[in-house]
Amino acid sequence: MGTMTVINTNISAIRAAAASNSATQLMGVAMQRLSTGKRINSAADDAAGLAISTTMTAQIDGMQQGVSNSNDGISMAQTADGALNEVTNMLQRIRQLAVQAGSDTYQASDRTAMQTEVSNLTEQISDILNNTAFNGNKLFNVVGTTPATTDDLKFSIQTGSQSGDAVTLVSKAFDGSALFGTGNTSYSSAATQSLDVSTTTAAATTISNVDTALAAVNATQSGMGAGENRLQSVVSNLTDNITNLTDARSRIQDTDYSTETTKMAKAQILAQASTAMIAQANQAQQYVLSLLK
């Protein structure tokens, strides 16, 4: 069939208008991506990519919070470590006084003065072990008899985006008997003190009790220190994972400006060209008038 000359339906203008709409849509998409910095701004842009990047974002956010939690756990362990360092220093001083009091070169009044210092140090040790806390959580547990595993304080630190990603800090319980007297969990001036240097016999017992207490402090400190080292490793690993996963997400959802600026330039040219062709198609209708003369 040959080409008809018509004026009722301007096919050329309709086709040019459709091309103009398509170019305008492409230009709008490119401008949105360039203005937001994201290649995926809605599910229509890339449904599969959106699902993948959303999952990645959940993992990244979870790991970032895991880093924060781990750093808090490190701070908790450091708080406990600092307190136990001070307890160790005081126990070493008490042991020194016990060794001093064990010598018969001193008289009763000298040992009374030594005992005053020992009592004050013991009271301070009691305050530290019973009152040291991190964000309201008590860090040490002193029991009146030999502690069992169930007496240990355990702090679970959520270190990742999944429910099973956790590190447990363990603060081993203390037996208060060697520190504060049989069955005691804190210092009491009315109780029979385990750390006593008032006589040479008591001083000898105190040396043994201090050694027992130092071993307990070391056990608790070692456990918390091991947990702190593990959390340091967790932070390092999570930081690497966050960096790599963020890089992967960027490739999926972020705008490639080189590509999108090229697409926008092409769309702008097509939009201008199609607009010009609409004008040409409308002008072509005027030629029909020459047939009517």
C-alpha atoms as a PDB file:
ATOM      1  CA  MET A   1       0.000   0.000   0.000  1.00  0.00           C
ATOM      2  CA  GLY A   2       1.383   3.415  -0.925  1.00  0.00           C
ATOM      3  CA  THR A   3       1.863   6.291   1.488  1.00  0.00           C
ATOM      4  CA  MET A   4      -1.269   8.390   1.939  1.00  0.00           C
ATOM      5  CA  THR A   5      -1.310  12.124   2.348  1.00  0.00           C
ATOM      6  CA  VAL A   6      -3.515  12.907   5.347  1.00  0.00           C
ATOM      7  CA  ILE A   7      -4.099  15.731   7.830  1.00  0.00           C
ATOM      8  CA  ASN A   8      -6.473  14.098  10.324  1.00  0.00           C
ATOM      9  CA  THR A   9      -3.771  11.953  11.883  1.00  0.00           C
ATOM     10  CA  ASN A  10      -0.214  13.303  12.084  1.00  0.00           C
ATOM     11  CA  ILE A  11       1.682  10.031  12.523  1.00  0.00           C
ATOM     12  CA  SER A  12       5.072  11.675  12.267  1.00  0.00           C
ATOM     13  CA  ALA A  13       4.247  14.092  15.068  1.00  0.00           C
ATOM     14  CA  ILE A  14       2.868  11.268  17.226  1.00  0.00           C
ATOM     15  CA  ARG A  15       6.033   9.216  16.755  1.00  0.00           C
ATOM     16  CA  ALA A  16       8.227  12.218  17.474  1.00  0.00           C
ATOM     17  CA  ALA A  17       6.171  12.970  20.608  1.00  0.00           C
ATOM     18  CA  ALA A  18       6.601   9.373  21.805  1.00  0.00           C
ATOM     19  CA  ALA A  19      10.347   9.660  21.248  1.00  0.00           C
ATOM     20  CA  SER A  20      10.345  12.947  23.169  1.00  0.00           C
ATOM     21  CA  ASN A  21       8.517  11.346  26.119  1.00  0.00           C
ATOM     22  CA  SER A  22      10.973   8.442  26.169  1.00  0.00           C
ATOM     23  CA  ALA A  23      13.976  10.788  26.073  1.00  0.00           C
ATOM     24  CA  THR A  24      12.480  12.950  28.826  1.00  0.00           C
ATOM     25  CA  GLN A  25      11.932   9.867  30.998  1.00  0.00           C
ATOM     26  CA  LEU A  26      15.535   8.731  30.474  1.00  0.00           C
ATOM     27  CA  MET A  27      16.752  12.218  31.304  1.00  0.00           C
ATOM     28  CA  GLY A  28      14.639  12.253  34.479  1.00  0.00           C
ATOM     29  CA  VAL A  29      16.092   8.920  35.633  1.00  0.00           C
ATOM     30  CA  ALA A  30      19.632  10.102  34.972  1.00  0.00           C
ATOM     31  CA  MET A  31      19.042  13.384  36.812  1.00  0.00           C
ATOM     32  CA  GLN A  32      17.552  11.563  39.808  1.00  0.00           C
ATOM     33  CA  ARG A  33      20.537   9.218  40.026  1.00  0.00           C
ATOM     34  CA  LEU A  34      22.977  12.104  39.705  1.00  0.00           C
ATOM     35  CA  SER A  35      21.185  14.163  42.344  1.00  0.00           C
ATOM     36  CA  THR A  36      20.782  11.346  44.917  1.00  0.00           C
ATOM     37  CA  GLY A  37      24.084   9.593  44.261  1.00  0.00           C
ATOM     38  CA  LYS A  38      22.215   6.273  44.105  1.00  0.00           C
ATOM     39  CA  ARG A  39      21.661   4.082  41.070  1.00  0.00           C
ATOM     40  CA  ILE A  40      18.752   2.345  42.811  1.00  0.00           C
ATOM     41  CA  ASN A  41      16.159   4.821  44.054  1.00  0.00           C
ATOM     42  CA  SER A  42      13.173   2.508  43.848  1.00  0.00           C
ATOM     43  CA  ALA A  43      12.464  -1.157  43.243  1.00  0.00           C
ATOM     44  CA  ALA A  44      11.690  -0.306  39.618  1.00  0.00           C
ATOM     45  CA  ASP A  45      15.322   0.647  39.032  1.00  0.00           C
ATOM     46  CA  ASP A  46      16.653  -2.816  40.009  1.00  0.00           C
ATOM     47  CA  ALA A  47      14.442  -5.063  42.121  1.00  0.00           C
ATOM     48  CA  ALA A  48      17.080  -7.748  42.672  1.00  0.00           C
ATOM     49  CA  GLY A  49      19.770  -5.170  43.393  1.00  0.00           C
ATOM     50  CA  LEU A  50      17.518  -3.437  45.919  1.00  0.00           C
ATOM     51  CA  ALA A  51      16.916  -6.716  47.782  1.00  0.00           C
ATOM     52  CA  ILE A  52      20.641  -7.512  47.879  1.00  0.00           C
ATOM     53  CA  SER A  53      21.664  -4.015  49.005  1.00  0.00           C
ATOM     54  CA  THR A  54      18.962  -4.003  51.701  1.00  0.00           C
ATOM     55  CA  THR A  55      20.327  -7.272  53.099  1.00  0.00           C
ATOM     56  CA  MET A  56      23.844  -5.861  52.973  1.00  0.00           C
ATOM     57  CA  THR A  57      22.726  -2.710  54.784  1.00  0.00           C
ATOM     58  CA  ALA A  58      21.213  -4.796  57.586  1.00  0.00           C
ATOM     59  CA  GLN A  59      24.500  -6.688  57.931  1.00  0.00           C
ATOM     60  CA  ILE A  60      26.591  -3.521  57.862  1.00  0.00           C
ATOM     61  CA  ASP A  61      24.412  -1.771  60.451  1.00  0.00           C
ATOM     62  CA  GLY A  62      24.497  -4.859  62.662  1.00  0.00           C
ATOM     63  CA  MET A  63      28.273  -5.137  62.426  1.00  0.00           C
ATOM     64  CA  GLN A  64      28.727  -1.440  63.140  1.00  0.00           C
ATOM     65  CA  GLN A  65      26.664  -1.855  66.300  1.00  0.00           C
ATOM     66  CA  GLY A  66      28.713  -4.956  67.057  1.00  0.00           C
ATOM     67  CA  VAL A  67      31.866  -2.827  66.923  1.00  0.00           C
ATOM     68  CA  SER A  68      30.259  -0.360  69.326  1.00  0.00           C
ATOM     69  CA  ASN A  69      29.207  -3.189  71.660  1.00  0.00           C
ATOM     70  CA  SER A  70      32.684  -4.720  71.514  1.00  0.00           C
ATOM     71  CA  ASN A  71      34.288  -1.400  72.384  1.00  0.00           C
ATOM     72  CA  ASP A  72      31.928  -1.113  75.343  1.00  0.00           C
ATOM     73  CA  GLY A  73      32.951  -4.634  76.377  1.00  0.00           C
ATOM     74  CA  ILE A  74      36.611  -3.633  76.120  1.00  0.00           C
ATOM     75  CA  SER A  75      35.892  -0.613  78.312  1.00  0.00           C
ATOM     76  CA  MET A  76      34.177  -2.900  80.828  1.00  0.00           C
ATOM     77  CA  ALA A  77      37.169  -5.256  80.895  1.00  0.00           C
ATOM     78  CA  GLN A  78      39.551  -2.319  81.265  1.00  0.00           C
ATOM     79  CA  THR A  79      37.495  -0.973  84.160  1.00  0.00           C
ATOM     80  CA  ALA A  80      37.725  -4.341  85.901  1.00  0.00           C
ATOM     81  CA  ASP A  81      41.431  -4.588  85.122  1.00  0.00           C
ATOM     82  CA  GLY A  82      42.139  -1.162  86.593  1.00  0.00           C
ATOM     83  CA  ALA A  83      40.242  -2.009  89.770  1.00  0.00           C
ATOM     84  CA  LEU A  84      42.029  -5.337  90.169  1.00  0.00           C
ATOM     85  CA  ASN A  85      45.409  -3.679  89.601  1.00  0.00           C
ATOM     86  CA  GLU A  86      44.688  -1.461  92.568  1.00  0.00           C
ATOM     87  CA  VAL A  87      43.544  -4.442  94.653  1.00  0.00           C
ATOM     88  CA  THR A  88      46.797  -6.206  93.771  1.00  0.00           C
ATOM     89  CA  ASN A  89      48.833  -3.179  94.839  1.00  0.00           C
ATOM     90  CA  MET A  90      47.040  -3.055  98.192  1.00  0.00           C
ATOM     91  CA  LEU A  91      47.444  -6.789  98.756  1.00  0.00           C
ATOM     92  CA  GLN A  92      51.152  -6.492  98.021  1.00  0.00           C
ATOM     93  CA  ARG A  93      51.386  -3.722 100.590  1.00  0.00           C
ATOM     94  CA  ILE A  94      49.491  -5.830 103.156  1.00  0.00           C
ATOM     95  CA  ARG A  95      51.869  -8.718 102.477  1.00  0.00           C
ATOM     96  CA  GLN A  96      54.829  -6.413 102.969  1.00  0.00           C
ATOM     97  CA  LEU A  97      53.400  -5.269 106.303  1.00  0.00           C
ATOM     98  CA  ALA A  98      52.775  -8.897 107.311  1.00  0.00           C
ATOM     99  CA  VAL A  99      56.383  -9.776 106.581  1.00  0.00           C
ATOM    100  CA  GLN A 100      57.457  -6.719 108.562  1.00  0.00           C
ATOM    101  CA  ALA A 101      55.177  -7.581 111.501  1.00  0.00           C
ATOM    102  CA  GLY A 102      56.545 -11.112 111.576  1.00  0.00           C
ATOM    103  CA  SER A 103      59.838  -9.829 112.878  1.00  0.00           C
ATOM    104  CA  ASP A 104      60.422  -9.691 116.652  1.00  0.00           C
ATOM    105  CA  THR A 105      62.310  -6.431 116.236  1.00  0.00           C
ATOM    106  CA  TYR A 106      58.963  -4.645 116.521  1.00  0.00           C
ATOM    107  CA  GLN A 107      56.888  -4.086 119.626  1.00  0.00           C
ATOM    108  CA  ALA A 108      53.139  -4.311 120.082  1.00  0.00           C
ATOM    109  CA  SER A 109      52.544  -0.599 119.476  1.00  0.00           C
ATOM    110  CA  ASP A 110      54.359  -0.884 116.115  1.00  0.00           C
ATOM    111  CA  ARG A 111      52.154  -3.787 115.061  1.00  0.00           C
ATOM    112  CA  THR A 112      49.071  -1.830 116.143  1.00  0.00           C
ATOM    113  CA  ALA A 113      50.078   0.937 113.742  1.00  0.00           C
ATOM    114  CA  MET A 114      50.678  -1.632 111.005  1.00  0.00           C
ATOM    115  CA  GLN A 115      47.292  -3.209 111.697  1.00  0.00           C
ATOM    116  CA  THR A 116      45.603   0.178 111.318  1.00  0.00           C
ATOM    117  CA  GLU A 117      47.035   0.475 107.830  1.00  0.00           C
ATOM    118  CA  VAL A 118      46.118  -3.142 107.011  1.00  0.00           C
ATOM    119  CA  SER A 119      42.529  -2.588 108.190  1.00  0.00           C
ATOM    120  CA  ASN A 120      42.169   0.529 106.055  1.00  0.00           C
ATOM    121  CA  LEU A 121      43.592  -1.247 103.019  1.00  0.00           C
ATOM    122  CA  THR A 122      41.300  -4.240 103.612  1.00  0.00           C
ATOM    123  CA  GLU A 123      38.287  -1.946 103.849  1.00  0.00           C
ATOM    124  CA  GLN A 124      39.256  -0.295 100.579  1.00  0.00           C
ATOM    125  CA  ILE A 125      39.680  -3.696  98.920  1.00  0.00           C
ATOM    126  CA  SER A 126      36.186  -4.557 100.131  1.00  0.00           C
ATOM    127  CA  ASP A 127      34.781  -1.352  98.648  1.00  0.00           C
ATOM    128  CA  ILE A 128      36.418  -2.019  95.287  1.00  0.00           C
ATOM    129  CA  LEU A 129      35.338  -5.651  94.999  1.00  0.00           C
ATOM    130  CA  ASN A 130      31.776  -5.014  96.168  1.00  0.00           C
ATOM    131  CA  ASN A 131      31.074  -1.651  94.535  1.00  0.00           C
ATOM    132  CA  THR A 132      32.973  -1.488  91.230  1.00  0.00           C
ATOM    133  CA  ALA A 133      30.432  -1.358  88.412  1.00  0.00           C
ATOM    134  CA  PHE A 134      30.204  -0.514  84.719  1.00  0.00           C
ATOM    135  CA  ASN A 135      27.043   1.274  83.640  1.00  0.00           C
ATOM    136  CA  GLY A 136      25.318  -0.051  86.747  1.00  0.00           C
ATOM    137  CA  ASN A 137      26.496  -3.652  86.262  1.00  0.00           C
ATOM    138  CA  LYS A 138      28.488  -5.013  89.184  1.00  0.00           C
ATOM    139  CA  LEU A 139      31.832  -6.384  87.957  1.00  0.00           C
ATOM    140  CA  PHE A 140      32.894  -8.647  90.846  1.00  0.00           C
ATOM    141  CA  ASN A 141      31.197 -11.193  93.054  1.00  0.00           C
ATOM    142  CA  VAL A 142      32.525 -12.017  96.537  1.00  0.00           C
ATOM    143  CA  VAL A 143      31.109 -15.151  98.170  1.00  0.00           C
ATOM    144  CA  GLY A 144      31.479 -16.368 101.733  1.00  0.00           C
ATOM    145  CA  THR A 145      32.716 -19.852 100.860  1.00  0.00           C
ATOM    146  CA  THR A 146      34.792 -21.356  98.066  1.00  0.00           C
ATOM    147  CA  PRO A 147      33.159 -20.012  94.868  1.00  0.00           C
ATOM    148  CA  ALA A 148      31.636 -22.331  92.300  1.00  0.00           C
ATOM    149  CA  THR A 149      31.370 -21.750  88.565  1.00  0.00           C
ATOM    150  CA  THR A 150      27.775 -20.632  89.067  1.00  0.00           C
ATOM    151  CA  ASP A 151      29.037 -17.792  91.256  1.00  0.00           C
ATOM    152  CA  ASP A 152      31.043 -16.279  88.401  1.00  0.00           C
ATOM    153  CA  LEU A 153      29.661 -13.154  86.754  1.00  0.00           C
ATOM    154  CA  LYS A 154      29.201 -13.522  83.006  1.00  0.00           C
ATOM    155  CA  PHE A 155      28.632 -10.680  80.550  1.00  0.00           C
ATOM    156  CA  SER A 156      27.494 -11.572  77.032  1.00  0.00           C
ATOM    157  CA  ILE A 157      28.654  -9.020  74.461  1.00  0.00           C
ATOM    158  CA  GLN A 158      26.710  -9.003  71.165  1.00  0.00           C
ATOM    159  CA  THR A 159      29.487  -8.620  68.620  1.00  0.00           C
ATOM    160  CA  GLY A 160      27.759  -9.061  65.262  1.00  0.00           C
ATOM    161  CA  SER A 161      24.585  -8.809  63.229  1.00  0.00           C
ATOM    162  CA  GLN A 162      23.463 -12.379  63.934  1.00  0.00           C
ATOM    163  CA  SER A 163      22.008 -13.713  67.196  1.00  0.00           C
ATOM    164  CA  GLY A 164      24.866 -16.162  67.687  1.00  0.00           C
ATOM    165  CA  ASP A 165      27.598 -13.537  67.351  1.00  0.00           C
ATOM    166  CA  ALA A 166      28.561 -13.053  70.999  1.00  0.00           C
ATOM    167  CA  VAL A 167      31.603 -13.041  73.263  1.00  0.00           C
ATOM    168  CA  THR A 168      31.266 -13.780  76.978  1.00  0.00           C
ATOM    169  CA  LEU A 169      33.377 -11.927  79.526  1.00  0.00           C
ATOM    170  CA  VAL A 170      33.803 -13.969  82.709  1.00  0.00           C
ATOM    171  CA  SER A 171      34.564 -12.378  86.070  1.00  0.00           C
ATOM    172  CA  LYS A 172      35.556 -15.236  88.341  1.00  0.00           C
ATOM    173  CA  ALA A 173      34.073 -15.045  91.834  1.00  0.00           C
ATOM    174  CA  PHE A 174      36.205 -14.332  94.903  1.00  0.00           C
ATOM    175  CA  ASP A 175      36.241 -16.303  98.134  1.00  0.00           C
ATOM    176  CA  GLY A 176      35.863 -13.630 100.793  1.00  0.00           C
ATOM    177  CA  SER A 177      37.231 -15.856 103.533  1.00  0.00           C
ATOM    178  CA  ALA A 178      40.892 -15.194 102.725  1.00  0.00           C
ATOM    179  CA  LEU A 179      40.228 -11.477 102.518  1.00  0.00           C
ATOM    180  CA  PHE A 180      37.615 -10.642 105.144  1.00  0.00           C
ATOM    181  CA  GLY A 181      37.331 -13.661 107.435  1.00  0.00           C
ATOM    182  CA  THR A 182      35.520 -16.980 107.277  1.00  0.00           C
ATOM    183  CA  GLY A 183      32.051 -16.607 105.747  1.00  0.00           C
ATOM    184  CA  ASN A 184      32.455 -12.862 105.149  1.00  0.00           C
ATOM    185  CA  THR A 185      31.894 -11.184 101.803  1.00  0.00           C
ATOM    186  CA  SER A 186      33.022  -7.710 102.844  1.00  0.00           C
ATOM    187  CA  TYR A 187      35.093  -5.925 105.440  1.00  0.00           C
ATOM    188  CA  SER A 188      33.673  -5.624 108.929  1.00  0.00           C
ATOM    189  CA  SER A 189      35.588  -4.200 111.876  1.00  0.00           C
ATOM    190  CA  ALA A 190      33.577  -6.480 114.172  1.00  0.00           C
ATOM    191  CA  ALA A 191      34.643  -9.676 112.385  1.00  0.00           C
ATOM    192  CA  THR A 192      37.786 -11.695 112.957  1.00  0.00           C
ATOM    193  CA  GLN A 193      40.050 -10.438 110.208  1.00  0.00           C
ATOM    194  CA  SER A 194      41.914 -12.797 107.895  1.00  0.00           C
ATOM    195  CA  LEU A 195      44.398 -10.036 107.150  1.00  0.00           C
ATOM    196  CA  ASP A 196      45.807  -9.462 110.625  1.00  0.00           C
ATOM    197  CA  VAL A 197      49.335  -8.367 111.567  1.00  0.00           C
ATOM    198  CA  SER A 198      48.751  -7.644 115.241  1.00  0.00           C
ATOM    199  CA  THR A 199      50.921 -10.643 116.256  1.00  0.00           C
ATOM    200  CA  THR A 200      53.726 -12.608 114.659  1.00  0.00           C
ATOM    201  CA  THR A 201      51.498 -15.685 114.427  1.00  0.00           C
ATOM    202  CA  ALA A 202      48.675 -13.723 112.780  1.00  0.00           C
ATOM    203  CA  ALA A 203      51.179 -12.103 110.415  1.00  0.00           C
ATOM    204  CA  ALA A 204      52.338 -15.524 109.213  1.00  0.00           C
ATOM    205  CA  THR A 205      48.738 -16.540 108.497  1.00  0.00           C
ATOM    206  CA  THR A 206      48.138 -13.238 106.723  1.00  0.00           C
ATOM    207  CA  ILE A 207      51.022 -13.922 104.338  1.00  0.00           C
ATOM    208  CA  SER A 208      49.345 -17.186 103.331  1.00  0.00           C
ATOM    209  CA  ASN A 209      45.931 -15.520 103.021  1.00  0.00           C
ATOM    210  CA  VAL A 210      47.334 -12.716 100.872  1.00  0.00           C
ATOM    211  CA  ASP A 211      48.969 -15.245  98.553  1.00  0.00           C
ATOM    212  CA  THR A 212      45.603 -17.000  98.193  1.00  0.00           C
ATOM    213  CA  ALA A 213      43.886 -13.673  97.501  1.00  0.00           C
ATOM    214  CA  LEU A 214      46.515 -12.660  94.944  1.00  0.00           C
ATOM    215  CA  ALA A 215      46.003 -15.945  93.093  1.00  0.00           C
ATOM    216  CA  ALA A 216      42.244 -15.286  92.989  1.00  0.00           C
ATOM    217  CA  VAL A 217      42.780 -11.733  91.725  1.00  0.00           C
ATOM    218  CA  ASN A 218      45.141 -13.006  89.038  1.00  0.00           C
ATOM    219  CA  ALA A 219      42.596 -15.613  87.913  1.00  0.00           C
ATOM    220  CA  THR A 220      39.845 -13.013  87.597  1.00  0.00           C
ATOM    221  CA  GLN A 221      42.154 -10.526  85.916  1.00  0.00           C
ATOM    222  CA  SER A 222      43.425 -13.130  83.444  1.00  0.00           C
ATOM    223  CA  GLY A 223      39.886 -14.115  82.474  1.00  0.00           C
ATOM    224  CA  MET A 224      38.837 -10.539  81.832  1.00  0.00           C
ATOM    225  CA  GLY A 225      42.085  -9.827  79.996  1.00  0.00           C
ATOM    226  CA  ALA A 226      41.597 -12.801  77.692  1.00  0.00           C
ATOM    227  CA  GLY A 227      38.090 -11.577  76.919  1.00  0.00           C
ATOM    228  CA  GLU A 228      39.416  -8.087  76.205  1.00  0.00           C
ATOM    229  CA  ASN A 229      41.983  -9.466  73.746  1.00  0.00           C
ATOM    230  CA  ARG A 230      39.283 -11.447  71.996  1.00  0.00           C
ATOM    231  CA  LEU A 231      37.093  -8.372  71.686  1.00  0.00           C
ATOM    232  CA  GLN A 232      40.021  -6.440  70.214  1.00  0.00           C
ATOM    233  CA  SER A 233      40.286  -9.133  67.527  1.00  0.00           C
ATOM    234  CA  VAL A 234      36.532  -8.976  66.959  1.00  0.00           C
ATOM    235  CA  VAL A 235      36.687  -5.208  66.391  1.00  0.00           C
ATOM    236  CA  SER A 236      39.536  -5.606  63.900  1.00  0.00           C
ATOM    237  CA  ASN A 237      37.719  -8.359  61.995  1.00  0.00           C
ATOM    238  CA  LEU A 238      34.401  -6.520  61.972  1.00  0.00           C
ATOM    239  CA  THR A 239      36.048  -3.343  60.708  1.00  0.00           C
ATOM    240  CA  ASP A 240      37.520  -5.245  57.754  1.00  0.00           C
ATOM    241  CA  ASN A 241      34.173  -6.924  57.040  1.00  0.00           C
ATOM    242  CA  ILE A 242      32.303  -3.620  57.184  1.00  0.00           C
ATOM    243  CA  THR A 243      34.765  -2.043  54.750  1.00  0.00           C
ATOM    244  CA  ASN A 244      34.519  -4.911  52.252  1.00  0.00           C
ATOM    245  CA  LEU A 245      30.737  -5.228  52.496  1.00  0.00           C
ATOM    246  CA  THR A 246      30.266  -1.473  52.122  1.00  0.00           C
ATOM    247  CA  ASP A 247      32.427  -1.590  49.006  1.00  0.00           C
ATOM    248  CA  ALA A 248      30.286  -4.405  47.599  1.00  0.00           C
ATOM    249  CA  ARG A 249      27.066  -2.510  48.363  1.00  0.00           C
ATOM    250  CA  SER A 250      28.450   0.594  46.715  1.00  0.00           C
ATOM    251  CA  ARG A 251      28.946  -1.263  43.441  1.00  0.00           C
ATOM    252  CA  ILE A 252      25.291  -2.297  43.504  1.00  0.00           C
ATOM    253  CA  GLN A 253      23.454   0.825  44.637  1.00  0.00           C
ATOM    254  CA  ASP A 254      25.677   3.837  44.037  1.00  0.00           C
ATOM    255  CA  THR A 255      25.626   6.014  40.924  1.00  0.00           C
ATOM    256  CA  ASP A 256      28.452   5.703  38.412  1.00  0.00           C
ATOM    257  CA  TYR A 257      28.745   9.391  37.519  1.00  0.00           C
ATOM    258  CA  SER A 258      30.737   8.750  34.341  1.00  0.00           C
ATOM    259  CA  THR A 259      27.995   6.497  32.994  1.00  0.00           C
ATOM    260  CA  GLU A 260      25.035   8.577  34.158  1.00  0.00           C
ATOM    261  CA  THR A 261      26.367  11.919  32.876  1.00  0.00           C
ATOM    262  CA  THR A 262      26.853  10.278  29.471  1.00  0.00           C
ATOM    263  CA  LYS A 263      23.293   8.932  29.579  1.00  0.00           C
ATOM    264  CA  MET A 264      21.908  12.328  30.552  1.00  0.00           C
ATOM    265  CA  ALA A 265      23.765  14.088  27.724  1.00  0.00           C
ATOM    266  CA  LYS A 266      22.365  11.522  25.278  1.00  0.00           C
ATOM    267  CA  ALA A 267      18.832  11.935  26.667  1.00  0.00           C
ATOM    268  CA  GLN A 268      19.072  15.725  26.450  1.00  0.00           C
ATOM    269  CA  ILE A 269      20.139  15.556  22.807  1.00  0.00           C
ATOM    270  CA  LEU A 270      17.354  13.079  22.000  1.00  0.00           C
ATOM    271  CA  ALA A 271      14.789  15.278  23.783  1.00  0.00           C
ATOM    272  CA  GLN A 272      15.908  18.339  21.825  1.00  0.00           C
ATOM    273  CA  ALA A 273      15.961  16.411  18.550  1.00  0.00           C
ATOM    274  CA  SER A 274      12.498  14.888  19.066  1.00  0.00           C
ATOM    275  CA  THR A 275      11.077  18.308  19.933  1.00  0.00           C
ATOM    276  CA  ALA A 276      12.529  19.669  16.724  1.00  0.00           C
ATOM    277  CA  MET A 277      11.033  16.747  14.787  1.00  0.00           C
ATOM    278  CA  ILE A 278       7.584  17.467  16.248  1.00  0.00           C
ATOM    279  CA  ALA A 279       7.882  20.982  14.860  1.00  0.00           C
ATOM    280  CA  GLN A 280       8.969  19.606  11.472  1.00  0.00           C
ATOM    281  CA  ALA A 281       6.088  17.106  11.422  1.00  0.00           C
ATOM    282  CA  ASN A 282       3.580  19.852  12.205  1.00  0.00           C
ATOM    283  CA  GLN A 283       5.108  22.043   9.484  1.00  0.00           C
ATOM    284  CA  ALA A 284       4.831  19.217   6.957  1.00  0.00           C
ATOM    285  CA  GLN A 285       1.018  19.375   7.230  1.00  0.00           C
ATOM    286  CA  GLN A 286       1.111  22.789   5.623  1.00  0.00           C
ATOM    287  CA  TYR A 287       2.172  21.212   2.314  1.00  0.00           C
ATOM    288  CA  VAL A 288      -1.305  19.752   1.937  1.00  0.00           C
ATOM    289  CA  LEU A 289      -2.593  23.272   1.218  1.00  0.00           C
ATOM    290  CA  SER A 290      -0.719  23.274  -2.116  1.00  0.00           C
ATOM    291  CA  LEU A 291      -2.907  20.378  -3.248  1.00  0.00           C
ATOM    292  CA  LEU A 292      -6.047  22.395  -2.555  1.00  0.00           C
ATOM    293  CA  LYS A 293      -5.176  25.296  -4.856  1.00  0.00           C
END
